[in-house]
C-alpha atoms as a PDB file:
ATOM      1  CA  MET A   1     175.983  51.006 -26.381  1.00  0.00           C
ATOM      2  CA  ARG A   2     175.144  49.945 -22.825  1.00  0.00           C
ATOM      3  CA  PHE A   3     176.668  46.753 -21.419  1.00  0.00           C
ATOM      4  CA  PHE A   4     175.559  45.175 -18.133  1.00  0.00           C
ATOM      5  CA  ALA A   5     176.670  41.967 -16.397  1.00  0.00           C
ATOM      6  CA  LEU A   6     174.361  40.661 -13.686  1.00  0.00           C
ATOM      7  CA  LYS A   7     175.461  39.295 -10.317  1.00  0.00           C
ATOM      8  CA  GLY A   8     177.323  36.010 -10.690  1.00  0.00           C
ATOM      9  CA  SER A   9     178.559  36.886 -14.185  1.00  0.00           C
ATOM     10  CA  GLU A  10     180.632  39.956 -13.317  1.00  0.00           C
ATOM     11  CA  LYS A  11     184.050  38.415 -14.008  1.00  0.00           C
ATOM     12  CA  LEU A  12     183.105  37.269 -17.476  1.00  0.00           C
ATOM     13  CA  GLY A  13     181.360  40.581 -18.086  1.00  0.00           C
ATOM     14  CA  ALA A  14     184.464  42.506 -17.042  1.00  0.00           C
ATOM     15  CA  ALA A  15     186.620  40.421 -19.400  1.00  0.00           C
ATOM     16  CA  ALA A  16     184.234  41.064 -22.292  1.00  0.00           C
ATOM     17  CA  ALA A  17     184.120  44.772 -21.453  1.00  0.00           C
ATOM     18  CA  GLN A  18     187.917  44.876 -21.458  1.00  0.00           C
ATOM     19  CA  ALA A  19     187.921  43.311 -24.933  1.00  0.00           C
ATOM     20  CA  LEU A  20     185.468  46.038 -25.984  1.00  0.00           C
ATOM     21  CA  ALA A  21     187.663  48.727 -24.369  1.00  0.00           C
ATOM     22  CA  ILE A  22     184.698  49.962 -22.326  1.00  0.00           C
ATOM     23  CA  GLU A  23     183.547  49.791 -18.702  1.00  0.00           C
ATOM     24  CA  LEU A  24     180.588  47.749 -17.512  1.00  0.00           C
ATOM     25  CA  ASP A  25     177.599  50.004 -16.922  1.00  0.00           C
ATOM     26  CA  PRO A  26     176.386  50.208 -13.302  1.00  0.00           C
ATOM     27  CA  HIS A  27     173.170  48.614 -12.157  1.00  0.00           C
ATOM     28  CA  GLU A  28     171.415  47.739  -8.897  1.00  0.00           C
ATOM     29  CA  GLU A  29     170.257  44.291  -7.788  1.00  0.00           C
ATOM     30  CA  ARG A  30     168.250  43.963  -4.591  1.00  0.00           C
ATOM     31  CA  ASP A  31     167.105  40.698  -2.985  1.00  0.00           C
ATOM     32  CA  PHE A  32     164.181  40.695  -0.587  1.00  0.00           C
ATOM     33  CA  GLU A  33     163.929  38.423   2.443  1.00  0.00           C
ATOM     34  CA  ASP A  34     161.157  36.307   0.915  1.00  0.00           C
ATOM     35  CA  GLY A  35     163.244  35.484  -2.162  1.00  0.00           C
ATOM     36  CA  GLU A  36     161.829  38.139  -4.486  1.00  0.00           C
ATOM     37  CA  HIS A  37     164.198  40.570  -6.175  1.00  0.00           C
ATOM     38  CA  LYS A  38     164.422  43.652  -8.298  1.00  0.00           C
ATOM     39  CA  SER A  39     167.093  45.116 -10.525  1.00  0.00           C
ATOM     40  CA  ARG A  40     167.507  48.264 -12.576  1.00  0.00           C
ATOM     41  CA  PRO A  41     170.121  50.078 -14.647  1.00  0.00           C
ATOM     42  CA  LEU A  42     171.714  53.054 -12.892  1.00  0.00           C
ATOM     43  CA  VAL A  43     172.314  54.904 -16.154  1.00  0.00           C
ATOM     44  CA  SER A  44     169.875  55.920 -18.856  1.00  0.00           C
ATOM     45  CA  VAL A  45     169.168  53.276 -21.497  1.00  0.00           C
ATOM     46  CA  ARG A  46     166.777  55.383 -23.546  1.00  0.00           C
ATOM     47  CA  GLY A  47     167.575  55.077 -27.237  1.00  0.00           C
ATOM     48  CA  LYS A  48     170.565  52.801 -26.521  1.00  0.00           C
ATOM     49  CA  ASP A  49     171.684  49.440 -27.908  1.00  0.00           C
ATOM     50  CA  VAL A  50     171.685  47.426 -24.665  1.00  0.00           C
ATOM     51  CA  TYR A  51     173.566  44.157 -24.009  1.00  0.00           C
ATOM     52  CA  VAL A  52     172.905  42.169 -20.824  1.00  0.00           C
ATOM     53  CA  LEU A  53     175.235  39.294 -19.976  1.00  0.00           C
ATOM     54  CA  HIS A  54     174.230  36.551 -17.573  1.00  0.00           C
ATOM     55  CA  SER A  55     175.170  32.862 -17.517  1.00  0.00           C
ATOM     56  CA  LEU A  56     172.355  30.704 -16.191  1.00  0.00           C
ATOM     57  CA  ALA A  57     174.142  27.853 -14.399  1.00  0.00           C
ATOM     58  CA  GLY A  58     172.979  27.670 -10.806  1.00  0.00           C
ATOM     59  CA  SER A  59     175.733  28.318  -8.246  1.00  0.00           C
ATOM     60  CA  GLY A  60     176.632  30.578  -5.359  1.00  0.00           C
ATOM     61  CA  GLY A  61     173.199  30.307  -3.752  1.00  0.00           C
ATOM     62  CA  ALA A  62     171.360  31.333  -6.942  1.00  0.00           C
ATOM     63  CA  SER A  63     169.543  28.621  -8.869  1.00  0.00           C
ATOM     64  CA  ALA A  64     169.142  28.499 -12.637  1.00  0.00           C
ATOM     65  CA  ASN A  65     165.543  29.617 -12.030  1.00  0.00           C
ATOM     66  CA  ASP A  66     166.709  32.665 -10.050  1.00  0.00           C
ATOM     67  CA  ARG A  67     169.202  33.656 -12.712  1.00  0.00           C
ATOM     68  CA  LEU A  68     166.740  33.201 -15.545  1.00  0.00           C
ATOM     69  CA  CYS A  69     164.124  35.387 -13.854  1.00  0.00           C
ATOM     70  CA  LYS A  70     166.647  38.114 -13.046  1.00  0.00           C
ATOM     71  CA  LEU A  71     167.858  38.216 -16.630  1.00  0.00           C
ATOM     72  CA  LEU A  72     164.333  38.299 -18.051  1.00  0.00           C
ATOM     73  CA  PHE A  73     163.210  41.025 -15.669  1.00  0.00           C
ATOM     74  CA  PHE A  74     166.292  43.150 -16.391  1.00  0.00           C
ATOM     75  CA  LEU A  75     165.774  42.860 -20.153  1.00  0.00           C
ATOM     76  CA  ALA A  76     162.140  43.911 -19.707  1.00  0.00           C
ATOM     77  CA  THR A  77     163.163  46.810 -17.475  1.00  0.00           C
ATOM     78  CA  CYS A  78     165.501  48.117 -20.155  1.00  0.00           C
ATOM     79  CA  LYS A  79     162.732  47.941 -22.768  1.00  0.00           C
ATOM     80  CA  GLU A  80     160.317  49.572 -20.314  1.00  0.00           C
ATOM     81  CA  ASN A  81     162.723  52.463 -19.962  1.00  0.00           C
ATOM     82  CA  GLY A  82     163.205  53.169 -23.629  1.00  0.00           C
ATOM     83  CA  ALA A  83     166.056  50.942 -24.849  1.00  0.00           C
ATOM     84  CA  ALA A  84     166.118  50.995 -28.639  1.00  0.00           C
ATOM     85  CA  GLN A  85     167.372  47.413 -28.792  1.00  0.00           C
ATOM     86  CA  THR A  86     168.156  44.702 -26.217  1.00  0.00           C
ATOM     87  CA  THR A  87     170.378  41.674 -26.568  1.00  0.00           C
ATOM     88  CA  ALA A  88     170.583  38.848 -24.029  1.00  0.00           C
ATOM     89  CA  VAL A  89     174.132  37.441 -23.913  1.00  0.00           C
ATOM     90  CA  VAL A  90     173.721  34.043 -22.254  1.00  0.00           C
ATOM     91  CA  PRO A  91     176.953  32.000 -22.515  1.00  0.00           C
ATOM     92  CA  TYR A  92     175.304  29.075 -20.731  1.00  0.00           C
ATOM     93  CA  LEU A  93     171.590  28.827 -21.515  1.00  0.00           C
ATOM     94  CA  ALA A  94     169.903  26.703 -18.854  1.00  0.00           C
ATOM     95  CA  PHE A  95     167.131  24.187 -19.584  1.00  0.00           C
ATOM     96  CA  ALA A  96     168.472  23.459 -23.092  1.00  0.00           C
ATOM     97  CA  ARG A  97     168.970  19.741 -22.399  1.00  0.00           C
ATOM     98  CA  LYS A  98     165.283  18.918 -22.712  1.00  0.00           C
ATOM     99  CA  ASP A  99     164.660  19.912 -26.324  1.00  0.00           C
ATOM    100  CA  ARG A 100     162.285  17.118 -27.423  1.00  0.00           C
ATOM    101  CA  GLN A 101     159.946  14.498 -26.019  1.00  0.00           C
ATOM    102  CA  THR A 102     161.570  11.119 -25.458  1.00  0.00           C
ATOM    103  CA  LYS A 103     158.932   9.765 -23.052  1.00  0.00           C
ATOM    104  CA  ALA A 104     155.193  10.161 -22.768  1.00  0.00           C
ATOM    105  CA  ARG A 105     154.183  13.590 -21.393  1.00  0.00           C
ATOM    106  CA  ASP A 106     157.774  14.899 -21.443  1.00  0.00           C
ATOM    107  CA  PRO A 107     158.243  18.688 -21.410  1.00  0.00           C
ATOM    108  CA  VAL A 108     159.991  20.537 -24.231  1.00  0.00           C
ATOM    109  CA  THR A 109     161.721  22.988 -21.931  1.00  0.00           C
ATOM    110  CA  THR A 110     163.906  24.626 -24.574  1.00  0.00           C
ATOM    111  CA  ARG A 111     160.777  25.933 -26.299  1.00  0.00           C
ATOM    112  CA  TYR A 112     159.206  27.087 -23.025  1.00  0.00           C
ATOM    113  CA  VAL A 113     162.307  29.097 -22.131  1.00  0.00           C
ATOM    114  CA  ALA A 114     162.304  30.653 -25.605  1.00  0.00           C
ATOM    115  CA  GLN A 115     158.688  31.730 -25.060  1.00  0.00           C
ATOM    116  CA  LEU A 116     159.662  33.374 -21.760  1.00  0.00           C
ATOM    117  CA  PHE A 117     162.410  35.324 -23.501  1.00  0.00           C
ATOM    118  CA  GLU A 118     160.055  36.372 -26.286  1.00  0.00           C
ATOM    119  CA  ALA A 119     157.604  37.756 -23.726  1.00  0.00           C
ATOM    120  CA  MET A 120     160.352  40.192 -22.668  1.00  0.00           C
ATOM    121  CA  ASP A 121     160.798  41.194 -26.347  1.00  0.00           C
ATOM    122  CA  PRO A 122     164.609  41.025 -26.754  1.00  0.00           C
ATOM    123  CA  ASP A 123     165.914  41.686 -30.259  1.00  0.00           C
ATOM    124  CA  ARG A 124     168.333  38.769 -30.078  1.00  0.00           C
ATOM    125  CA  VAL A 125     169.704  36.040 -27.827  1.00  0.00           C
ATOM    126  CA  VAL A 126     173.394  35.120 -27.964  1.00  0.00           C
ATOM    127  CA  THR A 127     174.674  31.874 -26.496  1.00  0.00           C
ATOM    128  CA  LEU A 128     177.741  29.618 -26.586  1.00  0.00           C
ATOM    129  CA  ASP A 129     177.926  25.932 -27.577  1.00  0.00           C
ATOM    130  CA  ILE A 130     174.280  25.146 -26.935  1.00  0.00           C
ATOM    131  CA  HIS A 131     173.244  21.551 -26.218  1.00  0.00           C
ATOM    132  CA  ASN A 132     171.310  21.224 -29.480  1.00  0.00           C
ATOM    133  CA  PHE A 133     172.010  23.883 -32.101  1.00  0.00           C
ATOM    134  CA  ALA A 134     169.026  23.021 -34.327  1.00  0.00           C
ATOM    135  CA  ALA A 135     166.602  23.073 -31.385  1.00  0.00           C
ATOM    136  CA  PHE A 136     167.983  26.456 -30.275  1.00  0.00           C
ATOM    137  CA  GLN A 137     167.526  27.976 -33.731  1.00  0.00           C
ATOM    138  CA  ASN A 138     164.033  26.575 -34.101  1.00  0.00           C
ATOM    139  CA  ALA A 139     162.811  27.523 -30.601  1.00  0.00           C
ATOM    140  CA  PHE A 140     163.536  31.267 -30.751  1.00  0.00           C
ATOM    141  CA  ARG A 141     161.558  33.579 -33.000  1.00  0.00           C
ATOM    142  CA  CYS A 142     163.908  36.504 -32.337  1.00  0.00           C
ATOM    143  CA  GLU A 143     167.413  36.527 -33.815  1.00  0.00           C
ATOM    144  CA  SER A 144     169.506  33.714 -32.315  1.00  0.00           C
ATOM    145  CA  VAL A 145     173.311  33.875 -32.394  1.00  0.00           C
ATOM    146  CA  HIS A 146     175.334  30.786 -31.525  1.00  0.00           C
ATOM    147  CA  LEU A 147     179.007  31.405 -30.695  1.00  0.00           C
ATOM    148  CA  ASP A 148     181.438  28.626 -31.467  1.00  0.00           C
ATOM    149  CA  THR A 149     184.422  27.460 -29.381  1.00  0.00           C
ATOM    150  CA  ARG A 150     186.148  25.351 -32.036  1.00  0.00           C
ATOM    151  CA  LYS A 151     188.765  28.009 -32.752  1.00  0.00           C
ATOM    152  CA  LEU A 152     189.481  28.270 -29.020  1.00  0.00           C
ATOM    153  CA  PHE A 153     190.051  24.552 -28.585  1.00  0.00           C
ATOM    154  CA  ALA A 154     191.857  23.735 -31.843  1.00  0.00           C
ATOM    155  CA  PRO A 155     195.224  25.424 -31.024  1.00  0.00           C
ATOM    156  CA  LEU A 156     195.329  23.819 -27.570  1.00  0.00           C
ATOM    157  CA  ILE A 157     194.628  20.379 -29.034  1.00  0.00           C
ATOM    158  CA  GLY A 158     197.562  20.866 -31.390  1.00  0.00           C
ATOM    159  CA  LYS A 159     199.876  21.712 -28.482  1.00  0.00           C
ATOM    160  CA  LEU A 160     198.780  18.738 -26.363  1.00  0.00           C
ATOM    161  CA  THR A 161     199.082  16.026 -28.983  1.00  0.00           C
ATOM    162  CA  GLY A 162     202.723  16.321 -30.041  1.00  0.00           C
ATOM    163  CA  ASP A 163     203.473  13.646 -32.647  1.00  0.00           C
ATOM    164  CA  LEU A 164     200.663  11.304 -31.592  1.00  0.00           C
ATOM    165  CA  PRO A 165     197.795  10.591 -33.998  1.00  0.00           C
ATOM    166  CA  VAL A 166     194.664  12.468 -32.909  1.00  0.00           C
ATOM    167  CA  THR A 167     191.100  11.179 -32.517  1.00  0.00           C
ATOM    168  CA  ILE A 168     188.117  13.412 -31.806  1.00  0.00           C
ATOM    169  CA  PHE A 169     185.528  11.379 -29.914  1.00  0.00           C
ATOM    170  CA  SER A 170     181.885  11.953 -29.029  1.00  0.00           C
ATOM    171  CA  PRO A 171     180.751  10.304 -25.757  1.00  0.00           C
ATOM    172  CA  ASP A 172     177.237   9.760 -27.162  1.00  0.00           C
ATOM    173  CA  GLY A 173     175.342   9.738 -30.431  1.00  0.00           C
ATOM    174  CA  GLY A 174     173.755  13.129 -29.780  1.00  0.00           C
ATOM    175  CA  GLY A 175     177.121  14.878 -29.879  1.00  0.00           C
ATOM    176  CA  VAL A 176     178.391  13.341 -33.121  1.00  0.00           C
ATOM    177  CA  LYS A 177     177.835  16.498 -35.186  1.00  0.00           C
ATOM    178  CA  ARG A 178     179.624  18.652 -32.597  1.00  0.00           C
ATOM    179  CA  ALA A 179     182.626  16.318 -32.654  1.00  0.00           C
ATOM    180  CA  GLN A 180     182.656  16.177 -36.460  1.00  0.00           C
ATOM    181  CA  LEU A 181     182.749  19.973 -36.697  1.00  0.00           C
ATOM    182  CA  LEU A 182     185.684  20.131 -34.278  1.00  0.00           C
ATOM    183  CA  LYS A 183     187.450  17.426 -36.295  1.00  0.00           C
ATOM    184  CA  GLU A 184     187.040  19.482 -39.466  1.00  0.00           C
ATOM    185  CA  ALA A 185     188.238  22.669 -37.741  1.00  0.00           C
ATOM    186  CA  LEU A 186     191.292  20.856 -36.404  1.00  0.00           C
ATOM    187  CA  GLU A 187     192.135  19.416 -39.820  1.00  0.00           C
ATOM    188  CA  ALA A 188     191.913  22.913 -41.307  1.00  0.00           C
ATOM    189  CA  GLU A 189     194.077  24.317 -38.495  1.00  0.00           C
ATOM    190  CA  THR A 190     196.815  21.674 -38.584  1.00  0.00           C
ATOM    191  CA  GLY A 191     196.665  20.127 -42.035  1.00  0.00           C
ATOM    192  CA  ARG A 192     196.739  16.703 -40.353  1.00  0.00           C
ATOM    193  CA  GLU A 193     194.357  13.816 -40.819  1.00  0.00           C
ATOM    194  CA  ILE A 194     192.241  13.493 -37.672  1.00  0.00           C
ATOM    195  CA  GLY A 195     190.525  10.314 -36.522  1.00  0.00           C
ATOM    196  CA  PHE A 196     186.939  10.154 -35.334  1.00  0.00           C
ATOM    197  CA  GLY A 197     184.869   7.954 -33.044  1.00  0.00           C
ATOM    198  CA  PHE A 198     181.795   7.848 -30.844  1.00  0.00           C
ATOM    199  CA  MET A 199     180.111   5.730 -28.231  1.00  0.00           C
ATOM    200  CA  GLU A 200     176.500   4.691 -27.787  1.00  0.00           C
ATOM    201  CA  LYS A 201     174.696   6.051 -24.747  1.00  0.00           C
ATOM    202  CA  ARG A 202     171.091   5.624 -23.684  1.00  0.00           C
ATOM    203  CA  ARG A 203     169.729   7.170 -20.504  1.00  0.00           C
ATOM    204  CA  SER A 204     166.491   6.099 -18.810  1.00  0.00           C
ATOM    205  CA  ARG A 205     165.535   7.020 -15.243  1.00  0.00           C
ATOM    206  CA  ASN A 206     169.123   8.228 -14.772  1.00  0.00           C
ATOM    207  CA  LEU A 207     170.525   4.804 -15.702  1.00  0.00           C
ATOM    208  CA  VAL A 208     173.020   4.804 -18.585  1.00  0.00           C
ATOM    209  CA  SER A 209     173.409   1.898 -20.986  1.00  0.00           C
ATOM    210  CA  GLY A 210     174.778   1.161 -24.472  1.00  0.00           C
ATOM    211  CA  GLU A 211     177.940  -0.680 -25.478  1.00  0.00           C
ATOM    212  CA  LEU A 212     178.520   0.255 -29.125  1.00  0.00           C
ATOM    213  CA  PHE A 213     181.979   1.763 -29.647  1.00  0.00           C
ATOM    214  CA  ALA A 214     182.935   3.096 -33.087  1.00  0.00           C
ATOM    215  CA  GLY A 215     186.420   4.224 -34.083  1.00  0.00           C
ATOM    216  CA  ASP A 216     190.064   3.232 -33.672  1.00  0.00           C
ATOM    217  CA  VAL A 217     191.711   4.971 -30.702  1.00  0.00           C
ATOM    218  CA  SER A 218     194.683   2.649 -30.176  1.00  0.00           C
ATOM    219  CA  GLY A 219     197.905   4.632 -29.702  1.00  0.00           C
ATOM    220  CA  SER A 220     196.077   7.950 -30.186  1.00  0.00           C
ATOM    221  CA  ALA A 221     195.632  11.162 -28.267  1.00  0.00           C
ATOM    222  CA  VAL A 222     191.862  11.106 -27.772  1.00  0.00           C
ATOM    223  CA  PHE A 223     189.815  14.264 -27.185  1.00  0.00           C
ATOM    224  CA  ILE A 224     186.331  13.533 -25.856  1.00  0.00           C
ATOM    225  CA  VAL A 225     184.103  16.473 -26.770  1.00  0.00           C
ATOM    226  CA  ASP A 226     180.784  17.530 -25.243  1.00  0.00           C
ATOM    227  CA  ASP A 227     178.902  20.784 -24.693  1.00  0.00           C
ATOM    228  CA  MET A 228     178.959  20.480 -20.899  1.00  0.00           C
ATOM    229  CA  ILE A 229     180.346  18.479 -18.002  1.00  0.00           C
ATOM    230  CA  SER A 230     177.807  18.129 -15.203  1.00  0.00           C
ATOM    231  CA  THR A 231     178.585  15.166 -12.929  1.00  0.00           C
ATOM    232  CA  GLY A 232     181.260  13.969 -15.346  1.00  0.00           C
ATOM    233  CA  GLY A 233     179.781  10.479 -15.601  1.00  0.00           C
ATOM    234  CA  THR A 234     179.401  10.572 -19.389  1.00  0.00           C
ATOM    235  CA  MET A 235     182.976  11.780 -19.900  1.00  0.00           C
ATOM    236  CA  LEU A 236     184.415   9.238 -17.471  1.00  0.00           C
ATOM    237  CA  ARG A 237     182.496   6.361 -19.057  1.00  0.00           C
ATOM    238  CA  ALA A 238     183.850   7.282 -22.497  1.00  0.00           C
ATOM    239  CA  ALA A 239     187.380   7.823 -21.175  1.00  0.00           C
ATOM    240  CA  LEU A 240     187.491   4.375 -19.567  1.00  0.00           C
ATOM    241  CA  ALA A 241     186.232   2.802 -22.801  1.00  0.00           C
ATOM    242  CA  CYS A 242     188.955   4.584 -24.795  1.00  0.00           C
ATOM    243  CA  ARG A 243     191.655   3.485 -22.341  1.00  0.00           C
ATOM    244  CA  GLU A 244     190.469  -0.120 -22.575  1.00  0.00           C
ATOM    245  CA  ARG A 245     190.934   0.103 -26.349  1.00  0.00           C
ATOM    246  CA  GLY A 246     194.488   1.389 -26.163  1.00  0.00           C
ATOM    247  CA  ALA A 247     194.251   5.188 -26.148  1.00  0.00           C
ATOM    248  CA  LYS A 248     197.641   6.696 -25.296  1.00  0.00           C
ATOM    249  CA  THR A 249     196.275   9.899 -23.748  1.00  0.00           C
ATOM    250  CA  VAL A 250     192.702  11.022 -23.084  1.00  0.00           C
ATOM    251  CA  TYR A 251     191.438  14.587 -22.694  1.00  0.00           C
ATOM    252  CA  ALA A 252     187.929  15.803 -21.815  1.00  0.00           C
ATOM    253  CA  ILE A 253     186.797  18.992 -23.573  1.00  0.00           C
ATOM    254  CA  ALA A 254     183.577  20.930 -22.972  1.00  0.00           C
ATOM    255  CA  ALA A 255     182.499  24.555 -23.208  1.00  0.00           C
ATOM    256  CA  HIS A 256     180.630  24.525 -19.899  1.00  0.00           C
ATOM    257  CA  GLY A 257     182.154  23.119 -16.706  1.00  0.00           C
ATOM    258  CA  LEU A 258     179.143  22.804 -14.394  1.00  0.00           C
ATOM    259  CA  PHE A 259     180.859  20.253 -12.118  1.00  0.00           C
ATOM    260  CA  GLY A 260     177.912  19.335  -9.957  1.00  0.00           C
ATOM    261  CA  LYS A 261     177.515  16.593  -7.373  1.00  0.00           C
ATOM    262  CA  GLY A 262     179.475  13.517  -8.381  1.00  0.00           C
ATOM    263  CA  ALA A 263     182.262  15.338 -10.242  1.00  0.00           C
ATOM    264  CA  ASP A 264     184.776  14.147  -7.613  1.00  0.00           C
ATOM    265  CA  ALA A 265     185.054  10.833  -9.459  1.00  0.00           C
ATOM    266  CA  LEU A 266     185.991  12.631 -12.662  1.00  0.00           C
ATOM    267  CA  PHE A 267     188.709  14.711 -10.992  1.00  0.00           C
ATOM    268  CA  GLY A 268     190.076  11.687  -9.159  1.00  0.00           C
ATOM    269  CA  SER A 269     190.249   9.359 -12.164  1.00  0.00           C
ATOM    270  CA  GLN A 270     193.513   8.349 -13.817  1.00  0.00           C
ATOM    271  CA  ALA A 271     191.652   7.681 -17.070  1.00  0.00           C
ATOM    272  CA  ILE A 272     191.669  11.368 -18.060  1.00  0.00           C
ATOM    273  CA  ASP A 273     194.913  13.300 -18.473  1.00  0.00           C
ATOM    274  CA  ARG A 274     193.368  16.769 -18.527  1.00  0.00           C
ATOM    275  CA  ILE A 275     189.938  18.389 -18.374  1.00  0.00           C
ATOM    276  CA  ILE A 276     189.507  21.518 -20.474  1.00  0.00           C
ATOM    277  CA  VAL A 277     186.543  23.888 -20.172  1.00  0.00           C
ATOM    278  CA  THR A 278     185.875  27.603 -20.635  1.00  0.00           C
ATOM    279  CA  ASP A 279     184.950  30.227 -18.041  1.00  0.00           C
ATOM    280  CA  SER A 280     181.380  30.447 -19.382  1.00  0.00           C
ATOM    281  CA  VAL A 281     180.095  29.612 -15.882  1.00  0.00           C
ATOM    282  CA  ASP A 282     181.591  30.559 -12.528  1.00  0.00           C
ATOM    283  CA  SER A 283     181.249  26.989 -11.207  1.00  0.00           C
ATOM    284  CA  ALA A 284     184.377  26.083 -13.216  1.00  0.00           C
ATOM    285  CA  ALA A 285     186.464  28.488 -11.137  1.00  0.00           C
ATOM    286  CA  VAL A 286     184.824  27.167  -7.950  1.00  0.00           C
ATOM    287  CA  ALA A 287     185.788  23.617  -8.925  1.00  0.00           C
ATOM    288  CA  ASN A 288     189.335  24.748  -9.695  1.00  0.00           C
ATOM    289  CA  ALA A 289     189.650  26.184  -6.185  1.00  0.00           C
ATOM    290  CA  ARG A 290     188.036  23.128  -4.573  1.00  0.00           C
ATOM    291  CA  TYR A 291     190.282  20.663  -6.409  1.00  0.00           C
ATOM    292  CA  PRO A 292     193.610  22.527  -6.723  1.00  0.00           C
ATOM    293  CA  GLN A 293     195.474  19.362  -7.753  1.00  0.00           C
ATOM    294  CA  ALA A 294     192.952  18.446 -10.455  1.00  0.00           C
ATOM    295  CA  PRO A 295     194.226  18.524 -14.059  1.00  0.00           C
ATOM    296  CA  LEU A 296     191.772  21.285 -15.000  1.00  0.00           C
ATOM    297  CA  ASP A 297     192.384  24.040 -17.558  1.00  0.00           C
ATOM    298  CA  ILE A 298     189.932  26.934 -17.966  1.00  0.00           C
ATOM    299  CA  LEU A 299     190.056  28.823 -21.256  1.00  0.00           C
ATOM    300  CA  PRO A 300     188.808  32.445 -21.171  1.00  0.00           C
ATOM    301  CA  ILE A 301     185.982  33.444 -23.520  1.00  0.00           C
ATOM    302  CA  GLY A 302     185.799  37.159 -22.644  1.00  0.00           C
ATOM    303  CA  ARG A 303     187.514  38.181 -25.872  1.00  0.00           C
ATOM    304  CA  LEU A 304     185.190  35.993 -27.964  1.00  0.00           C
ATOM    305  CA  VAL A 305     182.108  37.476 -26.286  1.00  0.00           C
ATOM    306  CA  GLY A 306     183.470  41.013 -26.603  1.00  0.00           C
ATOM    307  CA  LYS A 307     184.182  40.552 -30.318  1.00  0.00           C
ATOM    308  CA  ALA A 308     180.671  39.209 -30.873  1.00  0.00           C
ATOM    309  CA  ILE A 309     179.079  42.179 -29.099  1.00  0.00           C
ATOM    310  CA  ARG A 310     181.210  44.658 -31.054  1.00  0.00           C
ATOM    311  CA  ARG A 311     180.293  43.102 -34.388  1.00  0.00           C
ATOM    312  CA  LEU A 312     176.602  42.895 -33.527  1.00  0.00           C
ATOM    313  CA  HIS A 313     176.607  46.526 -32.399  1.00  0.00           C
ATOM    314  CA  THR A 314     178.324  47.702 -35.593  1.00  0.00           C
ATOM    315  CA  GLN A 315     176.366  45.289 -37.806  1.00  0.00           C
ATOM    316  CA  GLY A 316     179.592  43.548 -38.788  1.00  0.00           C
ATOM    317  CA  SER A 317     180.095  39.950 -39.883  1.00  0.00           C
ATOM    318  CA  ILE A 318     179.906  37.312 -37.167  1.00  0.00           C
ATOM    319  CA  SER A 319     180.456  34.207 -39.317  1.00  0.00           C
ATOM    320  CA  GLU A 320     184.020  33.795 -38.005  1.00  0.00           C
ATOM    321  CA  LEU A 321     182.631  33.593 -34.446  1.00  0.00           C
ATOM    322  CA  THR A 322     179.669  31.331 -35.137  1.00  0.00           C
ATOM    323  CA  GLY A 323     181.236  28.832 -37.527  1.00  0.00           C
ATOM    324  CA  ILE A 324     178.413  29.539 -40.005  1.00  0.00           C
ATOM    325  CA  GLU A 325     179.140  31.137 -43.347  1.00  0.00           C
ATOM    326  CA  HIS A 326     176.786  34.049 -44.046  1.00  0.00           C
END
């Protein structure tokens, strides 16, 4: 096996390598003054099963476009130099939000990104809590592996709730299935009956509307679940609605803490007791340093990623990690 982590994903790569009981393999990345770049492995990949980890959230001076190109070029370089098999490990897969046309002449960016990956001929793409699981599976013609965070979040939810009744809540209709799956995992973990709710949300020209609120949250510990937190506006809107309807405590849970412009309002709000994300992107750690008093918890996923790589390399079962029975 060869395992590389590109620039900007080294910490997560090191954690996954530690879980694998191996060292990250060395590579070179060089940026040219005009914005072009090149990268190459510094060890032989000929005949090897190669894994390349890179999370595609833009930060640290590198845009999502930059990171995507670097990952694609590195995968192609490994194939060019004789790798027997290549796997792209992409905890946060950029451009997955636009997976269908909702307006005239809309792009379907998820499919376009899949076509770019396919041009580099990887054997599989591994990601974590994608925006739309069905769209991800349908877009890629190579093997697609979707890692699941439910078993990471479920024990923490149990610790935070105490004796309060629990409600899992989706902040919009598109995330209902994600919230339902977490509800089921939590019921299996705790043996308790878990409540469920969701809120209507429609977005047009960056304006959000929709007032439908389904579910009883009065007196409950409410966990608002989404795949990502970008500006935090969706989470904050749902949290305020839950508070207005009598929620005792409110927590925001997401795999990916992007925390872009506008997230200050989320961190400064009294409507949310804690914000819980994973370290799938380095912007979560940046936000933690920028807002040291913010109620932000970052769960590590290095062990999950390492276990997935080990099982893929040894052709073992990955159903426990994906939430899908095989």
